[in-house]
Amino acid sequence: MRIVIAGGHGQIALRLERLLAARGYEVAGIIRRAEQGEALRAAGAEPVLVDLESASVEEVAAELRGADAAVFAAGAGPGSGAARKDTVDKGAAVLFADAAVRAGVRRFVVVSSYGADADYRGDEVFGVYLRAKGAADVYVQGLEALDWTILRPGLLTDDPGTGLVRLEAHTGRGSVSRDDVASVLAELLETPATAGLTLELTGGSTPVPVAVKSVAGN
């Protein structure tokens, strides 16, 4: 099984790449800068150099052809301005989804954000971010050619993962470690019955595999 991850050098993506590689998957991570490639190789992933802010749909689709699943884990990052929230958190997500459709990759998982809302009111940069994430989510939700799952983690931390989470349609505010986000993503990829779900994620008391099976109705 081949899985392609957009934003392959991100903190969650690198964790996910390690997990998937350890499970025997063929993993590729899309990166913007060649010097990021070594970190991906160390994680067991193949680096793929594509700038999602300037590439065409066909260029990205070419890298997705033959994949069994795609994960959008890219983000402009906390230090970026409002313009890049729109070009990365929204524009790149839409591009990646369109490329997956063109490449015939049905399974599509999005790392979104708690509070993502295309109609969020507020002009601060964080507000722009939530609107961009929300608009991207709405776009993906409208693509019948994708078996999508949208994951909206709460406040991200670098605490060691506990393997215990709360995963529901609505969790309320809370924090969650990046380790646990990656573990949930890996489990979602292995659980096709979660397609069509938009889920919030925080730390909790339920083991990750149990939490994913519960939302999938298993």
N, C-alpha and C. Protein backbone atom coordinates (compact mmCIF):
# COMPACT_ATOMS: atom_id res chain seq x y z
N MET A 1 0.85 -1.19 0.00
CA MET A 1 0.00 0.00 0.00
C MET A 1 0.89 1.24 0.00
N ARG A 2 0.63 2.14 -0.95
CA ARG A 2 1.42 3.36 -1.06
C ARG A 2 0.57 4.54 -0.57
N ILE A 3 1.16 5.35 0.29
CA ILE A 3 0.47 6.51 0.86
C ILE A 3 1.33 7.74 0.61
N VAL A 4 0.71 8.78 0.06
CA VAL A 4 1.41 10.03 -0.22
C VAL A 4 0.90 11.11 0.72
N ILE A 5 1.84 11.80 1.38
CA ILE A 5 1.50 12.79 2.40
C ILE A 5 1.96 14.17 1.95
N ALA A 6 1.02 15.10 1.84
CA ALA A 6 1.37 16.49 1.54
C ALA A 6 1.80 17.17 2.83
N GLY A 7 2.85 18.00 2.72
CA GLY A 7 3.41 18.59 3.93
C GLY A 7 4.29 17.59 4.65
N GLY A 8 5.05 16.83 3.87
CA GLY A 8 5.78 15.68 4.40
C GLY A 8 6.83 15.97 5.44
N HIS A 9 7.25 17.24 5.56
CA HIS A 9 8.27 17.60 6.55
C HIS A 9 7.65 18.18 7.81
N GLY A 10 6.34 18.23 7.88
CA GLY A 10 5.67 18.77 9.06
C GLY A 10 5.82 17.86 10.27
N GLN A 11 5.56 18.42 11.44
CA GLN A 11 5.79 17.66 12.68
C GLN A 11 4.87 16.45 12.79
N ILE A 12 3.62 16.61 12.40
CA ILE A 12 2.70 15.47 12.41
C ILE A 12 3.06 14.50 11.29
N ALA A 13 3.37 15.03 10.11
CA ALA A 13 3.66 14.17 8.97
C ALA A 13 4.87 13.27 9.23
N LEU A 14 5.93 13.81 9.79
CA LEU A 14 7.11 12.99 10.07
C LEU A 14 6.78 11.86 11.04
N ARG A 15 5.98 12.16 12.03
CA ARG A 15 5.55 11.11 12.97
C ARG A 15 4.72 10.04 12.25
N LEU A 16 3.82 10.50 11.39
CA LEU A 16 2.98 9.57 10.65
C LEU A 16 3.81 8.72 9.70
N GLU A 17 4.78 9.33 9.05
CA GLU A 17 5.65 8.58 8.14
C GLU A 17 6.37 7.45 8.87
N ARG A 18 6.87 7.75 10.07
CA ARG A 18 7.56 6.71 10.85
C ARG A 18 6.60 5.56 11.18
N LEU A 19 5.40 5.91 11.60
CA LEU A 19 4.42 4.88 11.97
C LEU A 19 4.06 4.01 10.77
N LEU A 20 3.78 4.65 9.64
CA LEU A 20 3.36 3.89 8.46
C LEU A 20 4.49 3.03 7.91
N ALA A 21 5.71 3.59 7.89
CA ALA A 21 6.85 2.81 7.42
C ALA A 21 7.08 1.59 8.32
N ALA A 22 6.90 1.77 9.63
CA ALA A 22 7.07 0.65 10.57
C ALA A 22 6.01 -0.42 10.35
N ARG A 23 4.86 -0.02 9.81
CA ARG A 23 3.79 -0.99 9.53
C ARG A 23 3.95 -1.63 8.16
N GLY A 24 5.00 -1.26 7.45
CA GLY A 24 5.29 -1.90 6.18
C GLY A 24 4.73 -1.21 4.96
N TYR A 25 4.21 0.01 5.13
CA TYR A 25 3.67 0.74 3.99
C TYR A 25 4.78 1.43 3.20
N GLU A 26 4.51 1.65 1.93
CA GLU A 26 5.37 2.48 1.10
C GLU A 26 4.87 3.92 1.26
N VAL A 27 5.72 4.79 1.76
CA VAL A 27 5.30 6.15 2.11
C VAL A 27 6.11 7.18 1.33
N ALA A 28 5.42 8.17 0.80
CA ALA A 28 6.09 9.30 0.13
C ALA A 28 5.59 10.59 0.76
N GLY A 29 6.48 11.54 0.93
CA GLY A 29 6.12 12.82 1.50
C GLY A 29 6.45 13.96 0.55
N ILE A 30 5.48 14.82 0.29
CA ILE A 30 5.71 15.96 -0.60
C ILE A 30 6.33 17.10 0.20
N ILE A 31 7.45 17.63 -0.29
CA ILE A 31 8.18 18.70 0.39
C ILE A 31 8.48 19.83 -0.60
N ARG A 32 8.75 21.02 -0.06
CA ARG A 32 9.04 22.19 -0.89
C ARG A 32 10.52 22.40 -1.11
N ARG A 33 11.34 21.92 -0.17
CA ARG A 33 12.78 22.18 -0.24
C ARG A 33 13.57 20.87 -0.19
N ALA A 34 14.54 20.77 -1.08
CA ALA A 34 15.30 19.52 -1.20
C ALA A 34 16.02 19.17 0.11
N GLU A 35 16.45 20.17 0.86
CA GLU A 35 17.19 19.89 2.10
C GLU A 35 16.33 19.21 3.17
N GLN A 36 15.01 19.22 2.98
CA GLN A 36 14.13 18.54 3.93
C GLN A 36 14.11 17.03 3.69
N GLY A 37 14.66 16.59 2.57
CA GLY A 37 14.56 15.19 2.19
C GLY A 37 15.20 14.23 3.16
N GLU A 38 16.30 14.62 3.78
CA GLU A 38 17.02 13.71 4.67
C GLU A 38 16.16 13.31 5.86
N ALA A 39 15.39 14.26 6.40
CA ALA A 39 14.52 13.95 7.53
C ALA A 39 13.45 12.94 7.14
N LEU A 40 12.94 13.04 5.90
CA LEU A 40 11.95 12.08 5.45
C LEU A 40 12.56 10.70 5.27
N ARG A 41 13.76 10.66 4.68
CA ARG A 41 14.41 9.37 4.50
C ARG A 41 14.67 8.70 5.85
N ALA A 42 15.04 9.51 6.85
CA ALA A 42 15.27 8.97 8.19
C ALA A 42 13.99 8.41 8.80
N ALA A 43 12.86 8.98 8.38
CA ALA A 43 11.56 8.51 8.88
C ALA A 43 11.04 7.31 8.09
N GLY A 44 11.75 6.94 7.02
CA GLY A 44 11.33 5.81 6.21
C GLY A 44 10.46 6.18 5.04
N ALA A 45 10.46 7.46 4.68
CA ALA A 45 9.61 7.93 3.58
C ALA A 45 10.45 8.41 2.40
N GLU A 46 9.87 8.33 1.23
CA GLU A 46 10.49 8.84 0.01
C GLU A 46 10.15 10.32 -0.15
N PRO A 47 11.15 11.20 -0.23
CA PRO A 47 10.85 12.62 -0.44
C PRO A 47 10.48 12.91 -1.89
N VAL A 48 9.44 13.70 -2.07
CA VAL A 48 8.97 14.10 -3.39
C VAL A 48 8.95 15.62 -3.43
N LEU A 49 9.74 16.21 -4.30
CA LEU A 49 9.91 17.67 -4.33
C LEU A 49 8.84 18.31 -5.24
N VAL A 50 7.85 18.92 -4.62
CA VAL A 50 6.79 19.63 -5.33
C VAL A 50 6.34 20.80 -4.47
N ASP A 51 6.24 21.98 -5.06
CA ASP A 51 5.75 23.15 -4.33
C ASP A 51 4.24 23.27 -4.59
N LEU A 52 3.44 22.97 -3.57
CA LEU A 52 1.99 22.97 -3.74
C LEU A 52 1.41 24.37 -3.91
N GLU A 53 2.23 25.40 -3.71
CA GLU A 53 1.75 26.76 -3.94
C GLU A 53 1.91 27.19 -5.39
N SER A 54 2.69 26.44 -6.16
CA SER A 54 2.91 26.85 -7.55
C SER A 54 2.68 25.72 -8.56
N ALA A 55 2.59 24.49 -8.11
CA ALA A 55 2.42 23.36 -9.02
C ALA A 55 1.02 23.34 -9.63
N SER A 56 0.90 22.69 -10.77
CA SER A 56 -0.41 22.49 -11.40
C SER A 56 -1.05 21.22 -10.85
N VAL A 57 -2.35 21.09 -11.08
CA VAL A 57 -3.05 19.89 -10.66
C VAL A 57 -2.43 18.66 -11.31
N GLU A 58 -2.10 18.76 -12.58
CA GLU A 58 -1.53 17.60 -13.29
C GLU A 58 -0.17 17.22 -12.73
N GLU A 59 0.65 18.20 -12.36
CA GLU A 59 1.96 17.90 -11.77
C GLU A 59 1.82 17.13 -10.47
N VAL A 60 0.86 17.53 -9.65
CA VAL A 60 0.64 16.84 -8.38
C VAL A 60 0.00 15.48 -8.62
N ALA A 61 -0.93 15.41 -9.55
CA ALA A 61 -1.57 14.14 -9.87
C ALA A 61 -0.55 13.10 -10.34
N ALA A 62 0.47 13.56 -11.04
CA ALA A 62 1.51 12.64 -11.51
C ALA A 62 2.21 11.95 -10.34
N GLU A 63 2.34 12.65 -9.22
CA GLU A 63 2.99 12.07 -8.05
C GLU A 63 2.04 11.19 -7.25
N LEU A 64 0.74 11.36 -7.49
CA LEU A 64 -0.26 10.59 -6.75
C LEU A 64 -0.69 9.32 -7.48
N ARG A 65 -0.44 9.23 -8.76
CA ARG A 65 -0.89 8.07 -9.52
C ARG A 65 -0.27 6.78 -8.97
N GLY A 66 -1.10 5.79 -8.76
CA GLY A 66 -0.64 4.52 -8.21
C GLY A 66 -0.72 4.46 -6.70
N ALA A 67 -1.03 5.57 -6.04
CA ALA A 67 -1.13 5.57 -4.58
C ALA A 67 -2.48 4.98 -4.16
N ASP A 68 -2.50 4.42 -2.97
CA ASP A 68 -3.74 3.87 -2.41
C ASP A 68 -4.45 4.86 -1.51
N ALA A 69 -3.72 5.85 -1.03
CA ALA A 69 -4.31 6.86 -0.15
C ALA A 69 -3.46 8.11 -0.17
N ALA A 70 -4.09 9.23 0.16
CA ALA A 70 -3.39 10.51 0.25
C ALA A 70 -3.78 11.20 1.54
N VAL A 71 -2.82 11.88 2.14
CA VAL A 71 -3.06 12.61 3.38
C VAL A 71 -2.62 14.06 3.19
N PHE A 72 -3.52 15.00 3.46
CA PHE A 72 -3.13 16.41 3.42
C PHE A 72 -2.78 16.85 4.83
N ALA A 73 -1.48 17.04 5.07
CA ALA A 73 -0.99 17.45 6.38
C ALA A 73 -0.15 18.71 6.28
N ALA A 74 -0.30 19.45 5.18
CA ALA A 74 0.48 20.67 4.98
C ALA A 74 -0.16 21.83 5.73
N GLY A 75 0.65 22.83 6.02
CA GLY A 75 0.16 24.04 6.66
C GLY A 75 1.16 25.17 6.51
N ALA A 76 0.65 26.37 6.50
CA ALA A 76 1.53 27.52 6.35
C ALA A 76 2.42 27.72 7.57
N GLY A 77 1.99 27.23 8.72
CA GLY A 77 2.80 27.34 9.93
C GLY A 77 2.44 28.55 10.75
N PRO A 78 2.77 28.52 12.06
CA PRO A 78 2.34 29.58 12.99
C PRO A 78 2.97 30.94 12.73
N GLY A 79 4.12 30.98 12.04
CA GLY A 79 4.77 32.26 11.82
C GLY A 79 4.38 32.93 10.52
N SER A 80 3.48 32.33 9.77
CA SER A 80 3.12 32.86 8.46
C SER A 80 2.01 33.89 8.56
N GLY A 81 1.90 34.72 7.53
CA GLY A 81 0.87 35.74 7.49
C GLY A 81 -0.42 35.24 6.87
N ALA A 82 -1.38 36.15 6.79
CA ALA A 82 -2.70 35.79 6.30
C ALA A 82 -2.68 35.28 4.87
N ALA A 83 -1.82 35.85 4.03
CA ALA A 83 -1.80 35.47 2.62
C ALA A 83 -1.48 33.99 2.45
N ARG A 84 -0.51 33.49 3.23
CA ARG A 84 -0.13 32.08 3.07
C ARG A 84 -1.13 31.14 3.71
N LYS A 85 -1.93 31.63 4.66
CA LYS A 85 -3.02 30.79 5.16
C LYS A 85 -3.96 30.45 3.99
N ASP A 86 -4.16 31.44 3.12
CA ASP A 86 -5.05 31.22 1.99
C ASP A 86 -4.41 30.34 0.93
N THR A 87 -3.12 30.55 0.65
CA THR A 87 -2.49 29.80 -0.43
C THR A 87 -2.12 28.38 -0.02
N VAL A 88 -1.86 28.14 1.25
CA VAL A 88 -1.47 26.80 1.70
C VAL A 88 -2.65 26.07 2.35
N ASP A 89 -3.17 26.63 3.43
CA ASP A 89 -4.19 25.93 4.20
C ASP A 89 -5.48 25.75 3.41
N LYS A 90 -5.75 26.65 2.48
CA LYS A 90 -6.90 26.47 1.60
C LYS A 90 -6.46 26.04 0.20
N GLY A 91 -5.66 26.87 -0.47
CA GLY A 91 -5.33 26.63 -1.87
C GLY A 91 -4.63 25.31 -2.11
N ALA A 92 -3.63 24.99 -1.30
CA ALA A 92 -2.89 23.74 -1.50
C ALA A 92 -3.77 22.53 -1.19
N ALA A 93 -4.66 22.68 -0.20
CA ALA A 93 -5.57 21.58 0.14
C ALA A 93 -6.52 21.28 -1.02
N VAL A 94 -7.05 22.34 -1.62
CA VAL A 94 -7.94 22.18 -2.77
C VAL A 94 -7.19 21.55 -3.95
N LEU A 95 -5.99 22.05 -4.20
CA LEU A 95 -5.17 21.51 -5.28
C LEU A 95 -4.88 20.02 -5.07
N PHE A 96 -4.52 19.66 -3.86
CA PHE A 96 -4.17 18.26 -3.55
C PHE A 96 -5.39 17.36 -3.71
N ALA A 97 -6.55 17.86 -3.29
CA ALA A 97 -7.78 17.08 -3.45
C ALA A 97 -8.11 16.90 -4.93
N ASP A 98 -8.02 17.96 -5.70
CA ASP A 98 -8.29 17.87 -7.14
C ASP A 98 -7.31 16.90 -7.81
N ALA A 99 -6.06 16.94 -7.38
CA ALA A 99 -5.05 16.05 -7.95
C ALA A 99 -5.35 14.59 -7.61
N ALA A 100 -5.83 14.35 -6.39
CA ALA A 100 -6.20 12.99 -6.00
C ALA A 100 -7.34 12.47 -6.87
N VAL A 101 -8.31 13.33 -7.12
CA VAL A 101 -9.42 12.94 -8.00
C VAL A 101 -8.89 12.60 -9.39
N ARG A 102 -8.04 13.45 -9.92
CA ARG A 102 -7.51 13.23 -11.27
C ARG A 102 -6.67 11.96 -11.33
N ALA A 103 -5.96 11.66 -10.24
CA ALA A 103 -5.10 10.48 -10.22
C ALA A 103 -5.86 9.20 -9.88
N GLY A 104 -7.13 9.34 -9.51
CA GLY A 104 -7.92 8.16 -9.16
C GLY A 104 -7.64 7.61 -7.78
N VAL A 105 -7.15 8.46 -6.88
CA VAL A 105 -6.90 8.05 -5.49
C VAL A 105 -8.14 8.38 -4.67
N ARG A 106 -8.87 7.37 -4.23
CA ARG A 106 -10.14 7.63 -3.54
C ARG A 106 -9.94 7.98 -2.06
N ARG A 107 -9.08 7.24 -1.36
CA ARG A 107 -8.95 7.45 0.09
C ARG A 107 -8.17 8.73 0.34
N PHE A 108 -8.77 9.64 1.09
CA PHE A 108 -8.20 10.98 1.25
C PHE A 108 -8.47 11.45 2.68
N VAL A 109 -7.40 11.69 3.42
CA VAL A 109 -7.52 12.11 4.82
C VAL A 109 -6.93 13.51 4.98
N VAL A 110 -7.65 14.37 5.65
CA VAL A 110 -7.24 15.76 5.83
C VAL A 110 -6.95 16.03 7.30
N VAL A 111 -5.80 16.65 7.58
CA VAL A 111 -5.52 17.17 8.92
C VAL A 111 -6.00 18.62 8.93
N SER A 112 -7.11 18.86 9.55
CA SER A 112 -7.70 20.19 9.62
C SER A 112 -7.40 20.79 11.00
N SER A 113 -8.33 21.49 11.59
CA SER A 113 -8.10 22.12 12.89
C SER A 113 -9.42 22.25 13.65
N TYR A 114 -9.35 22.07 14.95
CA TYR A 114 -10.51 22.36 15.77
C TYR A 114 -10.94 23.81 15.53
N GLY A 115 -12.23 24.02 15.33
CA GLY A 115 -12.73 25.36 15.10
C GLY A 115 -12.73 25.80 13.66
N ALA A 116 -12.26 24.94 12.74
CA ALA A 116 -12.27 25.29 11.32
C ALA A 116 -13.69 25.64 10.88
N ASP A 117 -13.83 26.78 10.23
CA ASP A 117 -15.17 27.26 9.87
C ASP A 117 -15.03 28.28 8.74
N ALA A 118 -15.58 27.94 7.59
CA ALA A 118 -15.48 28.84 6.44
C ALA A 118 -16.13 30.18 6.70
N ASP A 119 -17.04 30.24 7.67
CA ASP A 119 -17.76 31.49 7.99
C ASP A 119 -17.29 32.12 9.29
N TYR A 120 -16.13 31.69 9.77
CA TYR A 120 -15.63 32.24 11.04
C TYR A 120 -15.48 33.76 10.95
N ARG A 121 -15.93 34.45 11.96
CA ARG A 121 -15.83 35.91 11.98
C ARG A 121 -14.58 36.33 12.74
N GLY A 122 -13.85 37.27 12.18
CA GLY A 122 -12.63 37.74 12.82
C GLY A 122 -11.57 37.99 11.78
N ASP A 123 -10.87 39.09 11.91
CA ASP A 123 -9.88 39.49 10.90
C ASP A 123 -8.45 39.18 11.30
N GLU A 124 -8.25 38.67 12.51
CA GLU A 124 -6.89 38.34 12.93
C GLU A 124 -6.38 37.16 12.10
N VAL A 125 -5.07 36.96 12.11
CA VAL A 125 -4.47 35.91 11.29
C VAL A 125 -5.06 34.54 11.65
N PHE A 126 -5.29 34.30 12.92
CA PHE A 126 -5.85 33.01 13.31
C PHE A 126 -7.26 32.83 12.74
N GLY A 127 -7.99 33.91 12.66
CA GLY A 127 -9.31 33.85 12.05
C GLY A 127 -9.24 33.50 10.57
N VAL A 128 -8.26 34.08 9.88
CA VAL A 128 -8.04 33.76 8.47
C VAL A 128 -7.70 32.28 8.32
N TYR A 129 -6.89 31.79 9.24
CA TYR A 129 -6.51 30.38 9.25
C TYR A 129 -7.73 29.47 9.40
N LEU A 130 -8.60 29.78 10.37
CA LEU A 130 -9.79 28.95 10.59
C LEU A 130 -10.73 28.99 9.39
N ARG A 131 -10.85 30.16 8.76
CA ARG A 131 -11.68 30.24 7.56
C ARG A 131 -11.08 29.44 6.41
N ALA A 132 -9.75 29.53 6.26
CA ALA A 132 -9.08 28.79 5.18
C ALA A 132 -9.25 27.29 5.38
N LYS A 133 -9.02 26.82 6.60
CA LYS A 133 -9.19 25.40 6.89
C LYS A 133 -10.64 24.97 6.67
N GLY A 134 -11.57 25.81 7.13
CA GLY A 134 -12.98 25.48 6.97
C GLY A 134 -13.40 25.42 5.52
N ALA A 135 -12.93 26.37 4.72
CA ALA A 135 -13.27 26.39 3.29
C ALA A 135 -12.69 25.16 2.58
N ALA A 136 -11.48 24.79 2.95
CA ALA A 136 -10.87 23.59 2.35
C ALA A 136 -11.67 22.34 2.72
N ASP A 137 -12.09 22.27 3.97
CA ASP A 137 -12.88 21.12 4.41
C ASP A 137 -14.18 21.02 3.62
N VAL A 138 -14.86 22.14 3.46
CA VAL A 138 -16.12 22.15 2.71
C VAL A 138 -15.89 21.69 1.28
N TYR A 139 -14.80 22.12 0.68
CA TYR A 139 -14.50 21.73 -0.70
C TYR A 139 -14.31 20.22 -0.79
N VAL A 140 -13.51 19.67 0.12
CA VAL A 140 -13.26 18.23 0.10
C VAL A 140 -14.55 17.45 0.34
N GLN A 141 -15.35 17.92 1.27
CA GLN A 141 -16.61 17.25 1.58
C GLN A 141 -17.55 17.17 0.37
N GLY A 142 -17.36 18.07 -0.58
CA GLY A 142 -18.21 18.09 -1.76
C GLY A 142 -17.72 17.23 -2.92
N LEU A 143 -16.60 16.56 -2.74
CA LEU A 143 -16.02 15.76 -3.83
C LEU A 143 -16.47 14.30 -3.71
N GLU A 144 -17.41 13.90 -4.52
CA GLU A 144 -17.95 12.55 -4.46
C GLU A 144 -16.93 11.50 -4.90
N ALA A 145 -15.90 11.92 -5.61
CA ALA A 145 -14.90 10.97 -6.09
C ALA A 145 -13.90 10.58 -4.99
N LEU A 146 -14.00 11.21 -3.82
CA LEU A 146 -13.08 10.91 -2.72
C LEU A 146 -13.81 10.24 -1.56
N ASP A 147 -13.16 9.25 -0.98
CA ASP A 147 -13.60 8.68 0.29
C ASP A 147 -12.82 9.41 1.38
N TRP A 148 -13.33 10.58 1.74
CA TRP A 148 -12.58 11.48 2.61
C TRP A 148 -12.91 11.28 4.09
N THR A 149 -11.93 11.58 4.92
CA THR A 149 -12.11 11.73 6.36
C THR A 149 -11.38 13.00 6.76
N ILE A 150 -12.04 13.84 7.53
CA ILE A 150 -11.43 15.09 8.00
C ILE A 150 -11.22 15.00 9.49
N LEU A 151 -9.99 15.22 9.92
CA LEU A 151 -9.63 15.16 11.33
C LEU A 151 -9.30 16.56 11.83
N ARG A 152 -9.97 16.98 12.90
CA ARG A 152 -9.78 18.32 13.45
C ARG A 152 -9.22 18.22 14.87
N PRO A 153 -7.89 18.18 14.99
CA PRO A 153 -7.27 18.09 16.32
C PRO A 153 -7.43 19.39 17.09
N GLY A 154 -7.42 19.27 18.42
CA GLY A 154 -7.39 20.44 19.28
C GLY A 154 -6.00 21.05 19.34
N LEU A 155 -5.71 21.77 20.40
CA LEU A 155 -4.41 22.42 20.57
C LEU A 155 -3.30 21.38 20.57
N LEU A 156 -2.34 21.53 19.66
CA LEU A 156 -1.29 20.54 19.50
C LEU A 156 -0.16 20.75 20.51
N THR A 157 0.32 19.65 21.07
CA THR A 157 1.43 19.71 22.01
C THR A 157 2.52 18.73 21.56
N ASP A 158 3.71 18.90 22.11
CA ASP A 158 4.81 17.97 21.85
C ASP A 158 4.99 16.98 22.99
N ASP A 159 3.99 16.86 23.86
CA ASP A 159 4.05 15.88 24.93
C ASP A 159 4.12 14.47 24.33
N PRO A 160 4.74 13.53 25.02
CA PRO A 160 4.74 12.15 24.52
C PRO A 160 3.31 11.64 24.39
N GLY A 161 3.07 10.87 23.35
CA GLY A 161 1.73 10.33 23.16
C GLY A 161 1.36 9.35 24.25
N THR A 162 0.08 9.32 24.59
CA THR A 162 -0.42 8.38 25.60
C THR A 162 -1.16 7.22 24.94
N GLY A 163 -1.55 7.40 23.67
CA GLY A 163 -2.37 6.39 23.02
C GLY A 163 -3.81 6.42 23.46
N LEU A 164 -4.17 7.45 24.25
CA LEU A 164 -5.54 7.59 24.77
C LEU A 164 -6.11 8.91 24.27
N VAL A 165 -7.27 8.85 23.63
CA VAL A 165 -7.82 10.04 22.98
C VAL A 165 -9.33 10.12 23.17
N ARG A 166 -9.85 11.26 22.77
CA ARG A 166 -11.30 11.43 22.59
C ARG A 166 -11.52 11.80 21.14
N LEU A 167 -12.22 10.97 20.41
CA LEU A 167 -12.44 11.15 18.98
C LEU A 167 -13.94 11.08 18.72
N GLU A 168 -14.52 12.22 18.40
CA GLU A 168 -15.97 12.30 18.22
C GLU A 168 -16.29 13.38 17.20
N ALA A 169 -17.54 13.45 16.78
CA ALA A 169 -17.96 14.52 15.89
C ALA A 169 -17.77 15.87 16.57
N HIS A 170 -18.00 15.92 17.89
CA HIS A 170 -17.82 17.16 18.66
C HIS A 170 -17.23 16.79 20.01
N THR A 171 -16.02 17.25 20.26
CA THR A 171 -15.34 16.94 21.52
C THR A 171 -15.34 18.09 22.50
N GLY A 172 -15.51 19.33 22.02
CA GLY A 172 -15.23 20.49 22.84
C GLY A 172 -13.74 20.78 22.82
N ARG A 173 -13.36 21.90 23.39
CA ARG A 173 -11.96 22.31 23.36
C ARG A 173 -11.09 21.36 24.17
N GLY A 174 -9.84 21.28 23.75
CA GLY A 174 -8.90 20.43 24.47
C GLY A 174 -7.59 20.37 23.70
N SER A 175 -6.60 19.76 24.29
CA SER A 175 -5.30 19.61 23.64
C SER A 175 -5.06 18.15 23.31
N VAL A 176 -4.10 17.92 22.44
CA VAL A 176 -3.74 16.56 22.04
C VAL A 176 -2.30 16.57 21.55
N SER A 177 -1.56 15.53 21.86
CA SER A 177 -0.16 15.48 21.42
C SER A 177 -0.07 15.14 19.94
N ARG A 178 0.96 15.64 19.32
CA ARG A 178 1.18 15.31 17.91
C ARG A 178 1.40 13.82 17.72
N ASP A 179 2.01 13.17 18.69
CA ASP A 179 2.17 11.71 18.62
C ASP A 179 0.82 11.03 18.47
N ASP A 180 -0.13 11.45 19.28
CA ASP A 180 -1.45 10.81 19.25
C ASP A 180 -2.22 11.17 17.98
N VAL A 181 -2.01 12.38 17.46
CA VAL A 181 -2.64 12.73 16.18
C VAL A 181 -2.15 11.79 15.09
N ALA A 182 -0.85 11.57 15.05
CA ALA A 182 -0.28 10.68 14.03
C ALA A 182 -0.82 9.26 14.19
N SER A 183 -0.95 8.79 15.42
CA SER A 183 -1.48 7.45 15.66
C SER A 183 -2.92 7.33 15.16
N VAL A 184 -3.72 8.37 15.40
CA VAL A 184 -5.10 8.35 14.93
C VAL A 184 -5.15 8.37 13.40
N LEU A 185 -4.30 9.18 12.78
CA LEU A 185 -4.26 9.22 11.32
C LEU A 185 -3.93 7.85 10.73
N ALA A 186 -2.95 7.18 11.30
CA ALA A 186 -2.58 5.85 10.81
C ALA A 186 -3.75 4.89 10.94
N GLU A 187 -4.47 4.99 12.04
CA GLU A 187 -5.61 4.10 12.25
C GLU A 187 -6.76 4.43 11.29
N LEU A 188 -6.97 5.72 11.05
CA LEU A 188 -8.01 6.12 10.11
C LEU A 188 -7.73 5.59 8.71
N LEU A 189 -6.47 5.64 8.30
CA LEU A 189 -6.10 5.13 6.98
C LEU A 189 -6.40 3.65 6.84
N GLU A 190 -6.34 2.92 7.94
CA GLU A 190 -6.60 1.49 7.93
C GLU A 190 -8.06 1.16 8.19
N THR A 191 -8.90 2.19 8.31
CA THR A 191 -10.31 1.98 8.63
C THR A 191 -11.18 2.69 7.60
N PRO A 192 -11.42 2.06 6.45
CA PRO A 192 -12.18 2.70 5.38
C PRO A 192 -13.58 3.14 5.80
N ALA A 193 -14.14 2.50 6.84
CA ALA A 193 -15.50 2.84 7.28
C ALA A 193 -15.60 4.22 7.90
N THR A 194 -14.46 4.90 8.08
CA THR A 194 -14.50 6.27 8.59
C THR A 194 -14.67 7.29 7.46
N ALA A 195 -14.76 6.83 6.23
CA ALA A 195 -14.97 7.75 5.10
C ALA A 195 -16.28 8.49 5.29
N GLY A 196 -16.25 9.79 4.96
CA GLY A 196 -17.43 10.62 5.07
C GLY A 196 -17.62 11.25 6.44
N LEU A 197 -16.65 11.06 7.34
CA LEU A 197 -16.76 11.60 8.69
C LEU A 197 -15.84 12.80 8.89
N THR A 198 -16.33 13.80 9.62
CA THR A 198 -15.53 14.92 10.09
C THR A 198 -15.45 14.80 11.59
N LEU A 199 -14.23 14.63 12.12
CA LEU A 199 -14.04 14.25 13.51
C LEU A 199 -13.14 15.24 14.25
N GLU A 200 -13.51 15.52 15.49
CA GLU A 200 -12.65 16.32 16.36
C GLU A 200 -11.86 15.38 17.26
N LEU A 201 -10.67 15.83 17.67
CA LEU A 201 -9.76 14.98 18.43
C LEU A 201 -9.10 15.75 19.55
N THR A 202 -9.17 15.21 20.75
CA THR A 202 -8.41 15.73 21.89
C THR A 202 -7.83 14.54 22.65
N GLY A 203 -7.00 14.85 23.63
CA GLY A 203 -6.58 13.80 24.53
C GLY A 203 -7.79 13.26 25.27
N GLY A 204 -7.72 12.01 25.71
CA GLY A 204 -8.88 11.43 26.38
C GLY A 204 -8.53 10.17 27.12
N SER A 205 -9.47 9.24 27.16
CA SER A 205 -9.27 8.02 27.94
C SER A 205 -9.50 6.74 27.13
N THR A 206 -9.73 6.88 25.83
CA THR A 206 -10.03 5.73 24.99
C THR A 206 -8.82 5.37 24.13
N PRO A 207 -8.38 4.13 24.12
CA PRO A 207 -7.27 3.74 23.26
C PRO A 207 -7.57 4.06 21.79
N VAL A 208 -6.55 4.50 21.06
CA VAL A 208 -6.74 4.95 19.68
C VAL A 208 -7.51 3.94 18.82
N PRO A 209 -7.12 2.65 18.78
CA PRO A 209 -7.85 1.72 17.91
C PRO A 209 -9.32 1.59 18.29
N VAL A 210 -9.62 1.63 19.57
CA VAL A 210 -11.00 1.53 20.04
C VAL A 210 -11.77 2.79 19.64
N ALA A 211 -11.16 3.96 19.79
CA ALA A 211 -11.81 5.20 19.45
C ALA A 211 -12.16 5.26 17.97
N VAL A 212 -11.24 4.81 17.12
CA VAL A 212 -11.49 4.82 15.67
C VAL A 212 -12.59 3.82 15.30
N LYS A 213 -12.53 2.63 15.86
CA LYS A 213 -13.56 1.63 15.59
C LYS A 213 -14.93 2.12 16.05
N SER A 214 -14.96 2.86 17.15
CA SER A 214 -16.22 3.35 17.69
C SER A 214 -16.88 4.34 16.73
N VAL A 215 -16.10 5.29 16.18
CA VAL A 215 -16.71 6.27 15.26
C VAL A 215 -17.05 5.61 13.93
N ALA A 216 -16.35 4.53 13.61
CA ALA A 216 -16.64 3.84 12.35
C ALA A 216 -17.86 2.93 12.46
N GLY A 217 -18.35 2.78 13.69
CA GLY A 217 -19.53 1.94 13.90
C GLY A 217 -19.22 0.48 14.00
N ASN A 218 -17.93 0.16 14.23
CA ASN A 218 -17.54 -1.25 14.33
C ASN A 218 -17.58 -1.72 15.78
